[in-house]
Amino acid sequence: MNGKMAMMKRRPIGRREVLAGMAGGMLAGGLAHAETTPQTPSRGGTLTVGLNNDAKTYDPIFSVQYSERYVLYLVFDTLVKYGPDFSIQPELAESWDTAADGSRIVFALRHGIKFQDGTPFDAAAVKWNIDQRLDEKVNSPQRQLLAPIVASVEVIDPQHVAFSLKEPSPVLFSLLGERAGFMVSPTAWQERGPGFGSQPVGTGAFILKEWTRGSRVLLERNPNYWQPELPYLDRLIVQDLAGAVIGVQRLLTGEIDYVDQLTPADVVPIQNRGGIVLKPIKVGRWYFLQWHVNEPPFDNPKLRQAFAHAIDRDRLNEIAMRGQGTVSNGPTPPGLWWYDPGVKSYPHDPARAKALSAEAGYPNGFEYVLSTPQVTALQQLNQLMQEQLGAVRIKLQLQPVAASEWYARVVSGTTNLTPTRWTQRADPDGLLYILFHSKGFANTTKYRNERVDALLDKARTVYDIAARKKLYAEAQQLIVNDLPIVPLIFGAEYAALRAGVNGFEWIPDQIPRFRDLWKTAD
C-alpha cells in the first residue's frame, strides 16, 4: 500500500485516488454532483412510503432482500456511510487510521451514542457485531463477504476498535456502509432471539413500532437520536404495494407521499401533474436473464448463445424503457469507474441463433418455462423476449410468480430460467463477487470459472484503480463470453414524491435514505 493510505483521520477520505481505492465506488465524471434543497427543514409530520415489500426480516445480520434495506437504514446506522457519489463518509465512526501496509484499520467512534434500548454503542458492540457476522454457527450471509478480509476485531478502549485484515483490502469500507456495517444492539439481539427480526434495535433515527406483514411498517422518531436535529419527521409508514400502477394511483389520491421503481411508462400519468415531483435515478438498475449453467438444458453453451443472439436488447430498451435506459453489454453501466466500454456481448443475430439452437440439439425448436415475477418492468421484458425468441423457434411459456416469492425461489434454485435485476454497489466486488465468484453467496446461476475466481480474488487486494479496472474488465468479458447470464439493459427509473416532501437525494445503490426528509404543505 502506498503512503497515501496511511493517514485518514477526522475526515472522510481525503484524496480522490485514495477514496476510489478504499471505497472503490465513486461515480465517474459528471454523475457525482449532489442535488440541493434550499428550504429550511421543518419538523413534524408523517411520511407514507409505498413499496413492493418482500421483507423477510429486519435483522441486518440475516438480511438478503432488497426491500429490507429501506427500513434498515432507518432503524440502524452504519459505521461509515455513502455519499451521493458513493464516497465513503463518517457515520458511527467519526474517523479512522489505516496502517501504512494496509493490515490494520483503527476506527474512532463517536462519543455518547446509545442503542434504542439505552445500552451503549461502543467498541465492544462493534466487535460483537462483526464477530457475529464472522461466526460460522450464526451463518450470516455477510460472512462470505467479511471472512476473506477480516482476521479479527480488537477493542482498544471504549471509543476505539481495530480491524486486523488478512490482507490489504479496498473492499472493507464499502461493506461497512451497508448490511455488514449496520450496528445492532447486542443486548436486544441476545434477549429477543428470532424475534429480533420483527423487533429490531439499532442506533438509528427511527424506532420500529409495528410490522404487519403484507400491510405496513410503522416507525416513530427516536427522541434520543445521537444527531439531535434529526430526524425531522415524527413518524414514517411503509405501506405495501401490489405494483407500480397501484403506487401511482395512491400517490395521486394523497394516500402515500412517495413511491419508486417507476419505469418511464409508469410515470406518464404523473409527469405533468402539479404537486408531483419526479426524481430520476443516477445509475440504472441492471436487468439480465439467468439460468443454471451446471444442469440441463442450460449447461449447453450453444443453447445459451442461441438465446443471447436471439434477443434484441436495443428493442428491449426502446419498448420497456421508452429508449431512456442503456443497452447492457456486461454487469457495469457507464458512469462507474470500473465500467469498460471494451466489454462486448453477443450481437442480435436471429439466423445465428437458429443455427446454434440446431447445433445444441434442437433443430425443431425448444420449449421452456420462463418465470415471470409480477414486477411491471420484468413482465414487459419477458413478453418482449418471448416474442423475439419465438421468432427463432424457442418457445417460452410465461409462468407468473408473486414478486414476494420470486427471489426466494431464485435463491433456493427452484427457478431456473428467469429475468432478474440488481442495483450497483459502492465497490465492484459487492456485485461481481457475490454473483459470479464460485463462492459468491448470490451465485444462483451455479457459474464456475477458475480464471474469473482468480481475477476477482486478486482485485480484492489491489488498491491501484487502473490495475483493479484492468482485472475487472477481463473478468467481465469472460463472464459475458461464458453466459451464466444474458445482459439486457440498464433501466431508467424514477421516484415520485408529493411536492411537500423535501430533502430527497438518490444514492446510486437506489436505496432511498428517508432519515433526512421533511414535509411542508403541498
Protein backbone atom coordinates (compact mmCIF):
# COMPACT_ATOMS: atom_id res chain seq x y z
CA MET A 1 0.00 0.00 0.00
CA ASN A 2 1.41 3.43 -0.80
CA GLY A 3 1.82 6.25 1.67
CA LYS A 4 -1.38 7.99 0.60
CA MET A 5 -3.31 5.33 2.51
CA ALA A 6 -1.54 5.84 5.81
CA MET A 7 -3.49 8.65 7.44
CA MET A 8 -7.18 9.44 7.05
CA LYS A 9 -8.10 10.88 10.41
CA ARG A 10 -11.09 13.14 11.24
CA ARG A 11 -12.36 13.49 7.70
CA PRO A 12 -13.96 11.21 5.12
CA ILE A 13 -11.08 10.09 2.90
CA GLY A 14 -9.01 12.98 1.79
CA ARG A 15 -7.86 12.37 -1.76
CA ARG A 16 -9.86 11.13 -4.70
CA GLU A 17 -7.29 8.45 -5.56
CA VAL A 18 -7.42 7.08 -2.04
CA LEU A 19 -11.19 7.24 -1.88
CA ALA A 20 -11.54 5.36 -5.13
CA GLY A 21 -9.11 2.74 -3.91
CA MET A 22 -10.68 2.31 -0.49
CA ALA A 23 -14.33 2.76 -1.32
CA GLY A 24 -13.99 1.60 -4.88
CA GLY A 25 -17.25 3.21 -5.80
CA MET A 26 -17.07 6.81 -6.86
CA LEU A 27 -19.08 7.79 -9.86
CA ALA A 28 -17.12 8.90 -12.87
CA GLY A 29 -17.46 12.30 -14.49
CA GLY A 30 -20.49 14.50 -14.06
CA LEU A 31 -22.72 11.99 -12.29
CA ALA A 32 -21.13 12.77 -8.94
CA HIS A 33 -22.92 16.07 -8.33
CA ALA A 34 -25.29 16.46 -5.42
CA GLU A 35 -28.79 17.88 -5.58
CA THR A 36 -29.58 20.61 -3.09
CA THR A 37 -32.80 21.74 -1.48
CA PRO A 38 -32.78 25.41 -0.48
CA GLN A 39 -35.64 25.28 2.04
CA THR A 40 -35.05 25.30 5.79
CA PRO A 41 -36.12 21.91 7.17
CA SER A 42 -39.31 21.86 9.22
CA ARG A 43 -40.08 19.39 11.97
CA GLY A 44 -43.04 17.07 12.38
CA GLY A 45 -45.47 15.11 10.28
CA THR A 46 -45.81 11.61 8.87
CA LEU A 47 -44.26 10.38 5.64
CA THR A 48 -46.03 7.46 3.96
CA VAL A 49 -43.94 5.43 1.54
CA GLY A 50 -45.31 2.92 -0.96
CA LEU A 51 -43.15 -0.15 -1.51
CA ASN A 52 -43.43 -3.55 -3.15
CA ASN A 53 -42.21 -5.04 0.12
CA ASP A 54 -40.84 -8.59 0.16
CA ALA A 55 -39.09 -8.24 3.53
CA LYS A 56 -38.44 -11.45 5.46
CA THR A 57 -36.54 -9.96 8.40
CA TYR A 58 -35.30 -6.63 9.71
CA ASP A 59 -32.32 -8.24 11.40
CA PRO A 60 -29.42 -6.93 9.29
CA ILE A 61 -27.24 -9.87 10.29
CA PHE A 62 -29.54 -12.13 8.25
CA SER A 63 -30.96 -9.68 5.70
CA VAL A 64 -30.80 -10.54 1.98
CA GLN A 65 -33.92 -8.93 0.47
CA TYR A 66 -33.54 -5.64 -1.41
CA SER A 67 -36.60 -4.01 0.14
CA GLU A 68 -35.43 -4.72 3.69
CA ARG A 69 -32.79 -2.02 3.38
CA TYR A 70 -35.48 0.69 3.09
CA VAL A 71 -36.26 0.09 6.77
CA LEU A 72 -32.80 -0.99 7.91
CA TYR A 73 -31.36 2.43 7.07
CA LEU A 74 -33.98 3.97 9.38
CA VAL A 75 -33.59 1.70 12.41
CA PHE A 76 -29.82 1.25 12.15
CA ASP A 77 -26.76 3.33 11.42
CA THR A 78 -23.63 2.05 9.72
CA LEU A 79 -20.02 2.51 10.75
CA VAL A 80 -19.45 4.58 7.61
CA LYS A 81 -21.95 5.88 5.09
CA TYR A 82 -22.14 6.54 1.36
CA GLY A 83 -22.31 10.00 -0.09
CA PRO A 84 -24.42 10.72 -3.19
CA ASP A 85 -21.34 9.92 -5.30
CA PHE A 86 -20.64 6.61 -3.45
CA SER A 87 -17.86 8.34 -1.49
CA ILE A 88 -17.17 6.96 1.98
CA GLN A 89 -18.05 9.34 4.81
CA PRO A 90 -18.08 9.14 8.63
CA GLU A 91 -21.18 7.87 10.39
CA LEU A 92 -20.91 5.98 13.71
CA ALA A 93 -17.16 6.06 13.18
CA GLU A 94 -16.05 9.69 13.14
CA SER A 95 -12.57 8.95 11.80
CA TRP A 96 -10.12 6.13 11.08
CA ASP A 97 -6.42 5.47 10.72
CA THR A 98 -5.05 2.86 8.32
CA ALA A 99 -1.63 1.29 8.79
CA ALA A 100 0.86 2.05 6.03
CA ASP A 101 0.85 -1.60 4.91
CA GLY A 102 -2.96 -1.78 4.98
CA SER A 103 -3.03 -4.59 7.53
CA ARG A 104 -4.90 -2.74 10.29
CA ILE A 105 -7.59 -0.07 10.49
CA VAL A 106 -8.43 1.69 13.74
CA PHE A 107 -11.86 3.34 13.91
CA ALA A 108 -12.54 6.19 16.34
CA LEU A 109 -16.19 6.02 17.38
CA ARG A 110 -18.43 8.95 18.19
CA HIS A 111 -18.96 9.59 21.91
CA GLY A 112 -22.21 9.21 23.79
CA ILE A 113 -24.23 7.17 21.31
CA LYS A 114 -26.76 4.72 22.72
CA PHE A 115 -28.84 2.00 21.14
CA GLN A 116 -32.60 2.46 21.21
CA ASP A 117 -32.78 0.17 24.27
CA GLY A 118 -30.49 2.53 26.20
CA THR A 119 -27.39 0.33 26.07
CA PRO A 120 -24.12 1.95 24.96
CA PHE A 121 -22.77 1.85 21.45
CA ASP A 122 -19.04 1.37 21.90
CA ALA A 123 -16.06 -0.60 20.64
CA ALA A 124 -17.27 -3.76 22.37
CA ALA A 125 -20.56 -3.51 20.46
CA VAL A 126 -18.70 -3.12 17.16
CA LYS A 127 -16.56 -6.17 17.91
CA TRP A 128 -19.64 -8.19 18.84
CA ASN A 129 -21.43 -7.18 15.63
CA ILE A 130 -18.56 -8.15 13.35
CA ASP A 131 -17.84 -11.34 15.32
CA GLN A 132 -21.46 -12.43 14.87
CA ARG A 133 -21.21 -11.99 11.13
CA LEU A 134 -17.94 -13.93 11.03
CA ASP A 135 -19.19 -16.81 13.20
CA GLU A 136 -19.89 -19.92 11.12
CA LYS A 137 -22.52 -21.05 13.63
CA VAL A 138 -24.50 -17.85 13.19
CA ASN A 139 -24.48 -18.38 9.41
CA SER A 140 -24.89 -14.75 8.40
CA PRO A 141 -24.96 -14.19 4.61
CA GLN A 142 -22.36 -11.47 5.19
CA ARG A 143 -19.79 -13.98 6.40
CA GLN A 144 -18.77 -14.74 2.80
CA LEU A 145 -18.02 -11.07 2.27
CA LEU A 146 -16.18 -10.35 5.51
CA ALA A 147 -14.38 -13.62 6.28
CA PRO A 148 -11.86 -13.38 3.41
CA ILE A 149 -10.92 -9.87 4.58
CA VAL A 150 -11.20 -9.58 8.37
CA ALA A 151 -8.87 -11.65 10.56
CA SER A 152 -10.04 -10.24 13.89
CA VAL A 153 -11.56 -7.26 15.65
CA GLU A 154 -9.96 -5.86 18.82
CA VAL A 155 -11.30 -3.45 21.41
CA ILE A 156 -8.60 -0.87 22.19
CA ASP A 157 -10.77 1.22 24.53
CA PRO A 158 -14.48 2.10 24.55
CA GLN A 159 -14.08 4.58 21.68
CA HIS A 160 -11.50 2.79 19.51
CA VAL A 161 -11.79 -0.52 17.71
CA ALA A 162 -9.18 -2.14 15.45
CA PHE A 163 -9.81 -4.34 12.42
CA SER A 164 -6.88 -6.63 11.59
CA LEU A 165 -7.04 -7.70 7.95
CA LYS A 166 -5.89 -10.95 6.39
CA GLU A 167 -4.55 -8.90 3.52
CA PRO A 168 -4.92 -5.28 2.40
CA SER A 169 -8.39 -4.74 1.01
CA PRO A 170 -10.04 -1.80 -0.79
CA VAL A 171 -13.40 -3.52 -0.25
CA LEU A 172 -13.95 -3.30 3.51
CA PHE A 173 -15.16 0.29 3.70
CA SER A 174 -17.89 -0.29 1.13
CA LEU A 175 -19.09 -3.33 3.11
CA LEU A 176 -19.28 -1.30 6.31
CA GLY A 177 -21.58 1.21 4.58
CA GLU A 178 -24.35 -1.35 4.13
CA ARG A 179 -25.58 -4.58 5.75
CA ALA A 180 -22.24 -5.65 7.23
CA GLY A 181 -21.91 -2.25 8.89
CA PHE A 182 -25.38 -1.95 10.46
CA MET A 183 -24.80 -1.98 14.22
CA VAL A 184 -27.40 -3.93 16.19
CA SER A 185 -27.83 -3.88 19.96
CA PRO A 186 -26.02 -6.97 21.30
CA THR A 187 -28.26 -6.98 24.38
CA ALA A 188 -31.53 -6.84 22.44
CA TRP A 189 -30.32 -9.36 19.84
CA GLN A 190 -29.48 -11.92 22.52
CA GLU A 191 -32.63 -11.27 24.56
CA ARG A 192 -35.09 -11.37 21.66
CA GLY A 193 -33.61 -14.25 19.70
CA PRO A 194 -35.52 -14.94 16.46
CA GLY A 195 -37.97 -12.18 17.41
CA PHE A 196 -35.29 -9.56 16.82
CA GLY A 197 -36.09 -9.68 13.09
CA SER A 198 -39.50 -8.13 13.75
CA GLN A 199 -38.46 -6.07 16.80
CA PRO A 200 -35.05 -4.73 15.77
CA VAL A 201 -32.98 -2.37 17.89
CA GLY A 202 -30.25 -0.15 16.47
CA THR A 203 -28.86 3.35 16.94
CA GLY A 204 -30.99 4.74 14.10
CA ALA A 205 -33.22 7.77 13.76
CA PHE A 206 -36.45 5.75 13.85
CA ILE A 207 -37.78 3.01 16.13
CA LEU A 208 -39.77 0.21 14.52
CA LYS A 209 -43.08 0.12 16.38
CA GLU A 210 -45.18 -2.23 14.27
CA TRP A 211 -44.72 -4.59 11.35
CA THR A 212 -47.86 -6.12 9.89
CA ARG A 213 -46.57 -8.41 7.16
CA GLY A 214 -48.22 -7.80 3.83
CA SER A 215 -49.65 -4.50 5.03
CA ARG A 216 -47.35 -1.91 6.60
CA VAL A 217 -44.38 -0.99 8.77
CA LEU A 218 -44.79 1.81 11.32
CA LEU A 219 -41.72 3.68 12.55
CA GLU A 220 -41.57 6.55 15.05
CA ARG A 221 -38.95 9.19 15.72
CA ASN A 222 -36.15 8.18 18.08
CA PRO A 223 -36.24 11.02 20.66
CA ASN A 224 -32.72 10.17 21.82
CA TYR A 225 -31.07 10.02 18.42
CA TRP A 226 -27.40 10.99 18.53
CA GLN A 227 -27.92 13.67 15.89
CA PRO A 228 -30.42 15.76 17.89
CA GLU A 229 -31.59 17.79 14.90
CA LEU A 230 -32.66 14.58 13.14
CA PRO A 231 -34.99 13.14 12.12
CA TYR A 232 -37.35 15.91 11.12
CA LEU A 233 -40.33 13.59 10.71
CA ASP A 234 -42.36 12.30 13.67
CA ARG A 235 -43.19 9.01 12.03
CA LEU A 236 -42.81 7.07 8.83
CA ILE A 237 -45.12 4.42 7.40
CA VAL A 238 -44.02 1.91 4.76
CA GLN A 239 -47.17 0.74 3.01
CA ASP A 240 -47.08 -2.48 0.99
CA LEU A 241 -47.97 -2.12 -2.69
CA ALA A 242 -49.01 -4.64 -5.31
CA GLY A 243 -47.21 -2.94 -8.18
CA ALA A 244 -46.32 0.41 -9.67
CA VAL A 245 -49.81 1.17 -11.01
CA ILE A 246 -51.27 0.95 -7.51
CA GLY A 247 -48.44 3.12 -6.23
CA VAL A 248 -49.12 5.86 -8.77
CA GLN A 249 -52.85 5.78 -8.01
CA ARG A 250 -52.24 6.14 -4.27
CA LEU A 251 -49.77 8.95 -4.87
CA LEU A 252 -52.35 10.85 -6.91
CA THR A 253 -55.03 10.43 -4.22
CA GLY A 254 -52.61 11.53 -1.49
CA GLU A 255 -52.72 8.17 0.27
CA ILE A 256 -48.92 7.93 0.01
CA ASP A 257 -46.20 10.57 -0.29
CA TYR A 258 -43.52 8.57 -2.09
CA VAL A 259 -43.15 5.65 -4.49
CA ASP A 260 -40.17 4.48 -6.53
CA GLN A 261 -39.07 1.78 -9.01
CA LEU A 262 -41.25 3.52 -11.62
CA THR A 263 -40.42 2.95 -15.28
CA PRO A 264 -40.82 5.64 -17.96
CA ALA A 265 -44.19 4.11 -18.83
CA ASP A 266 -45.31 4.20 -15.20
CA VAL A 267 -44.71 7.94 -14.86
CA VAL A 268 -46.67 9.00 -17.96
CA PRO A 269 -49.86 9.71 -15.94
CA ILE A 270 -47.98 11.94 -13.48
CA GLN A 271 -45.13 13.53 -15.41
CA ASN A 272 -47.01 16.77 -16.00
CA ARG A 273 -49.18 16.75 -12.89
CA GLY A 274 -48.90 19.63 -10.47
CA GLY A 275 -47.97 18.65 -6.95
CA ILE A 276 -45.85 15.66 -8.06
CA VAL A 277 -42.05 15.74 -8.34
CA LEU A 278 -40.13 13.10 -10.31
CA LYS A 279 -36.57 12.14 -9.38
CA PRO A 280 -34.70 10.06 -12.00
CA ILE A 281 -32.10 7.60 -10.76
CA LYS A 282 -28.43 8.36 -11.41
CA VAL A 283 -27.22 4.84 -12.20
CA GLY A 284 -29.54 2.33 -13.87
CA ARG A 285 -30.55 -0.95 -12.29
CA TRP A 286 -29.06 -3.91 -14.18
CA TYR A 287 -31.52 -6.28 -15.87
CA PHE A 288 -30.37 -9.69 -17.11
CA LEU A 289 -31.62 -13.17 -17.96
CA GLN A 290 -30.24 -16.02 -15.89
CA TRP A 291 -30.24 -19.83 -15.73
CA HIS A 292 -28.42 -22.74 -14.09
CA VAL A 293 -25.29 -23.44 -16.10
CA ASN A 294 -24.49 -26.65 -14.24
CA GLU A 295 -27.52 -28.69 -15.33
CA PRO A 296 -29.55 -29.41 -18.48
CA PRO A 297 -30.63 -27.80 -20.64
CA PHE A 298 -28.60 -24.64 -19.98
CA ASP A 299 -25.34 -26.43 -19.35
CA ASN A 300 -25.14 -26.44 -23.15
CA PRO A 301 -23.20 -23.28 -24.16
CA LYS A 302 -24.61 -23.34 -27.70
CA LEU A 303 -28.16 -23.11 -26.37
CA ARG A 304 -27.16 -20.18 -24.17
CA GLN A 305 -25.54 -18.49 -27.17
CA ALA A 306 -28.70 -19.07 -29.19
CA PHE A 307 -30.71 -17.19 -26.58
CA ALA A 308 -28.17 -14.36 -26.50
CA HIS A 309 -28.17 -13.90 -30.28
CA ALA A 310 -31.98 -14.03 -30.43
CA ILE A 311 -32.53 -11.16 -28.00
CA ASP A 312 -32.64 -7.64 -29.43
CA ARG A 313 -31.50 -5.51 -26.50
CA ASP A 314 -31.98 -2.24 -28.37
CA ARG A 315 -35.61 -3.18 -28.85
CA LEU A 316 -35.97 -4.06 -25.16
CA ASN A 317 -34.72 -0.62 -24.22
CA GLU A 318 -36.86 1.10 -26.84
CA ILE A 319 -40.10 -0.55 -25.68
CA ALA A 320 -39.68 -1.37 -21.98
CA MET A 321 -37.76 1.80 -21.10
CA ARG A 322 -39.03 4.07 -23.90
CA GLY A 323 -35.45 4.49 -25.03
CA GLN A 324 -34.39 6.09 -21.76
CA GLY A 325 -32.31 3.17 -20.49
CA THR A 326 -28.97 1.87 -21.75
CA VAL A 327 -28.20 -1.38 -23.55
CA SER A 328 -26.11 -3.65 -21.34
CA ASN A 329 -23.01 -5.39 -22.67
CA GLY A 330 -21.98 -6.51 -19.20
CA PRO A 331 -22.61 -6.03 -15.49
CA THR A 332 -21.39 -2.42 -15.17
CA PRO A 333 -23.16 0.69 -16.50
CA PRO A 334 -21.43 3.79 -17.86
CA GLY A 335 -20.64 6.27 -15.11
CA LEU A 336 -18.93 3.92 -12.66
CA TRP A 337 -15.15 3.81 -12.63
CA TRP A 338 -14.98 0.06 -13.27
CA TYR A 339 -17.05 0.34 -16.46
CA ASP A 340 -15.05 -0.68 -19.56
CA PRO A 341 -16.50 0.11 -23.00
CA GLY A 342 -14.39 -2.69 -24.44
CA VAL A 343 -16.58 -5.37 -22.84
CA LYS A 344 -18.81 -6.72 -25.61
CA SER A 345 -21.78 -9.07 -25.60
CA TYR A 346 -23.31 -11.29 -28.29
CA PRO A 347 -24.94 -9.21 -31.07
CA HIS A 348 -28.53 -9.64 -32.16
CA ASP A 349 -28.38 -12.24 -34.96
CA PRO A 350 -31.55 -14.36 -35.41
CA ALA A 351 -30.03 -16.51 -38.15
CA ARG A 352 -27.08 -17.37 -35.93
CA ALA A 353 -29.49 -18.08 -33.07
CA LYS A 354 -31.41 -20.62 -35.17
CA ALA A 355 -28.21 -22.33 -36.26
CA LEU A 356 -26.88 -22.55 -32.70
CA SER A 357 -30.18 -23.92 -31.42
CA ALA A 358 -29.97 -26.68 -34.03
CA GLU A 359 -26.33 -27.38 -33.14
CA ALA A 360 -27.37 -27.61 -29.49
CA GLY A 361 -29.68 -30.49 -30.40
CA TYR A 362 -32.94 -28.66 -31.04
CA PRO A 363 -33.35 -28.50 -34.84
CA ASN A 364 -37.13 -28.44 -34.48
CA GLY A 365 -37.23 -25.84 -31.76
CA PHE A 366 -37.01 -25.64 -27.99
CA GLU A 367 -39.61 -25.05 -25.27
CA TYR A 368 -39.12 -23.98 -21.68
CA VAL A 369 -40.87 -22.21 -18.80
CA LEU A 370 -39.80 -18.63 -18.10
CA SER A 371 -40.54 -17.46 -14.57
CA THR A 372 -42.34 -14.10 -14.68
CA PRO A 373 -42.27 -12.15 -11.41
CA GLN A 374 -45.16 -9.75 -11.08
CA VAL A 375 -42.96 -6.68 -11.44
CA THR A 376 -44.01 -4.39 -14.27
CA ALA A 377 -40.60 -3.90 -15.88
CA LEU A 378 -39.74 -7.60 -15.72
CA GLN A 379 -43.13 -8.59 -17.13
CA GLN A 380 -42.60 -6.26 -20.09
CA LEU A 381 -39.13 -7.66 -20.73
CA ASN A 382 -40.44 -11.22 -20.57
CA GLN A 383 -43.16 -10.54 -23.11
CA LEU A 384 -40.68 -8.94 -25.48
CA MET A 385 -38.16 -11.77 -25.08
CA GLN A 386 -40.92 -14.33 -25.59
CA GLU A 387 -41.69 -12.68 -28.93
CA GLN A 388 -38.04 -12.40 -30.00
CA LEU A 389 -37.12 -15.95 -29.01
CA GLY A 390 -40.27 -17.29 -30.63
CA ALA A 391 -39.02 -15.90 -33.93
CA VAL A 392 -36.10 -18.36 -33.77
CA ARG A 393 -38.29 -21.32 -32.66
CA ILE A 394 -37.51 -21.00 -28.96
CA LYS A 395 -40.93 -21.10 -27.33
CA LEU A 396 -41.26 -19.73 -23.82
CA GLN A 397 -44.20 -20.39 -21.53
CA LEU A 398 -44.56 -17.47 -19.12
CA GLN A 399 -45.17 -18.61 -15.54
CA PRO A 400 -46.37 -15.81 -13.22
CA VAL A 401 -44.76 -15.69 -9.76
CA ALA A 402 -45.67 -13.35 -6.91
CA ALA A 403 -42.98 -10.71 -6.52
CA SER A 404 -42.70 -11.52 -2.81
CA GLU A 405 -41.84 -15.17 -3.56
CA TRP A 406 -39.81 -14.82 -6.74
CA TYR A 407 -36.36 -14.03 -5.33
CA ALA A 408 -36.71 -16.73 -2.67
CA ARG A 409 -37.29 -19.24 -5.48
CA VAL A 410 -34.26 -17.97 -7.38
CA VAL A 411 -32.03 -18.27 -4.30
CA SER A 412 -33.33 -21.75 -3.45
CA GLY A 413 -32.67 -22.96 -7.01
CA THR A 414 -36.28 -23.92 -7.70
CA THR A 415 -36.47 -21.35 -10.51
CA ASN A 416 -34.14 -21.91 -13.44
CA LEU A 417 -34.88 -19.54 -16.32
CA THR A 418 -35.83 -16.05 -15.15
CA PRO A 419 -35.02 -12.40 -15.67
CA THR A 420 -33.68 -10.59 -12.65
CA ARG A 421 -32.24 -7.23 -11.71
CA TRP A 422 -29.64 -5.85 -9.34
CA THR A 423 -28.61 -2.40 -8.20
CA GLN A 424 -24.96 -1.42 -8.14
CA ARG A 425 -22.76 -1.45 -5.06
CA ALA A 426 -20.19 1.10 -3.88
CA ASP A 427 -17.39 -1.28 -4.86
CA PRO A 428 -17.35 -3.62 -7.88
CA ASP A 429 -16.61 -6.53 -5.57
CA GLY A 430 -20.02 -6.05 -3.97
CA LEU A 431 -21.80 -7.20 -7.12
CA LEU A 432 -19.31 -9.12 -9.25
CA TYR A 433 -18.00 -11.33 -6.46
CA ILE A 434 -21.34 -12.33 -4.98
CA LEU A 435 -22.90 -13.09 -8.39
CA PHE A 436 -20.03 -14.65 -10.34
CA HIS A 437 -17.37 -15.99 -8.00
CA SER A 438 -17.88 -19.71 -7.44
CA LYS A 439 -18.10 -18.97 -3.69
CA GLY A 440 -20.42 -15.98 -4.05
CA PHE A 441 -23.48 -16.32 -1.83
CA ALA A 442 -25.74 -14.91 -4.58
CA ASN A 443 -24.25 -17.07 -7.36
CA THR A 444 -27.64 -18.52 -8.23
CA THR A 445 -26.53 -19.48 -11.75
CA LYS A 446 -24.01 -22.01 -10.30
CA TYR A 447 -21.35 -20.44 -12.51
CA ARG A 448 -17.75 -21.51 -12.03
CA ASN A 449 -14.71 -20.27 -13.94
CA GLU A 450 -11.33 -20.61 -12.24
CA ARG A 451 -9.87 -17.65 -14.13
CA VAL A 452 -12.79 -15.43 -13.11
CA ASP A 453 -12.37 -16.56 -9.50
CA ALA A 454 -8.66 -15.69 -9.62
CA LEU A 455 -9.30 -12.25 -11.13
CA LEU A 456 -11.99 -11.39 -8.58
CA ASP A 457 -9.81 -12.65 -5.72
CA LYS A 458 -6.88 -10.55 -6.93
CA ALA A 459 -8.98 -7.42 -7.42
CA ARG A 460 -9.99 -7.61 -3.75
CA THR A 461 -6.40 -6.92 -2.69
CA VAL A 462 -5.34 -4.21 -5.17
CA TYR A 463 -5.61 -0.51 -4.32
CA ASP A 464 -4.42 0.93 -7.62
CA ILE A 465 -7.52 1.95 -9.59
CA ALA A 466 -6.03 1.34 -13.04
CA ALA A 467 -4.87 -2.13 -12.02
CA ARG A 468 -8.24 -3.00 -10.47
CA LYS A 469 -10.11 -1.76 -13.53
CA LYS A 470 -7.99 -3.99 -15.78
CA LEU A 471 -8.72 -7.04 -13.61
CA TYR A 472 -12.45 -6.33 -13.59
CA ALA A 473 -12.54 -5.71 -17.34
CA GLU A 474 -11.03 -9.13 -18.05
CA ALA A 475 -13.35 -10.81 -15.54
CA GLN A 476 -16.45 -9.15 -17.00
CA GLN A 477 -15.55 -10.11 -20.57
CA LEU A 478 -15.05 -13.74 -19.51
CA ILE A 479 -18.39 -13.70 -17.71
CA VAL A 480 -20.15 -12.29 -20.76
CA ASN A 481 -18.45 -14.86 -23.00
CA ASP A 482 -19.49 -17.76 -20.75
CA LEU A 483 -23.11 -16.57 -20.49
CA PRO A 484 -24.14 -17.53 -16.97
CA ILE A 485 -26.41 -14.57 -17.68
CA VAL A 486 -27.51 -12.65 -20.76
CA PRO A 487 -27.02 -8.92 -20.09
CA LEU A 488 -30.09 -6.99 -21.21
CA ILE A 489 -30.36 -3.33 -20.20
CA PHE A 490 -29.67 -0.77 -17.51
CA GLY A 491 -33.08 0.58 -16.69
CA ALA A 492 -34.45 4.09 -16.45
CA GLU A 493 -36.40 4.53 -13.23
CA TYR A 494 -37.94 7.27 -11.16
CA ALA A 495 -39.02 8.07 -7.67
CA ALA A 496 -42.20 10.14 -7.44
CA LEU A 497 -42.84 12.39 -4.45
CA ARG A 498 -45.59 14.72 -3.45
CA ALA A 499 -44.36 18.29 -3.73
CA GLY A 500 -44.35 18.81 0.03
CA VAL A 501 -41.62 16.20 0.54
CA ASN A 502 -38.17 17.78 0.75
CA GLY A 503 -34.54 16.74 1.10
CA PHE A 504 -34.63 13.69 -1.17
CA GLU A 505 -31.42 12.69 -2.90
CA TRP A 506 -30.56 9.50 -4.76
CA ILE A 507 -27.55 7.38 -3.89
CA PRO A 508 -26.51 5.06 -6.76
CA ASP A 509 -27.43 1.89 -4.84
CA GLN A 510 -31.06 3.04 -5.30
CA ILE A 511 -31.93 2.57 -1.63
CA PRO A 512 -33.68 5.79 -0.54
CA ARG A 513 -32.44 7.29 2.72
CA PHE A 514 -35.57 8.73 4.34
CA ARG A 515 -33.90 9.86 7.57
CA ASP A 516 -33.15 13.37 6.31
CA LEU A 517 -36.51 14.13 4.67
CA TRP A 518 -39.05 16.64 5.90
CA LYS A 519 -42.54 17.73 4.90
CA THR A 520 -44.10 21.07 4.15
CA ALA A 521 -47.54 21.91 2.83
CA ASP A 522 -48.11 20.74 -0.76
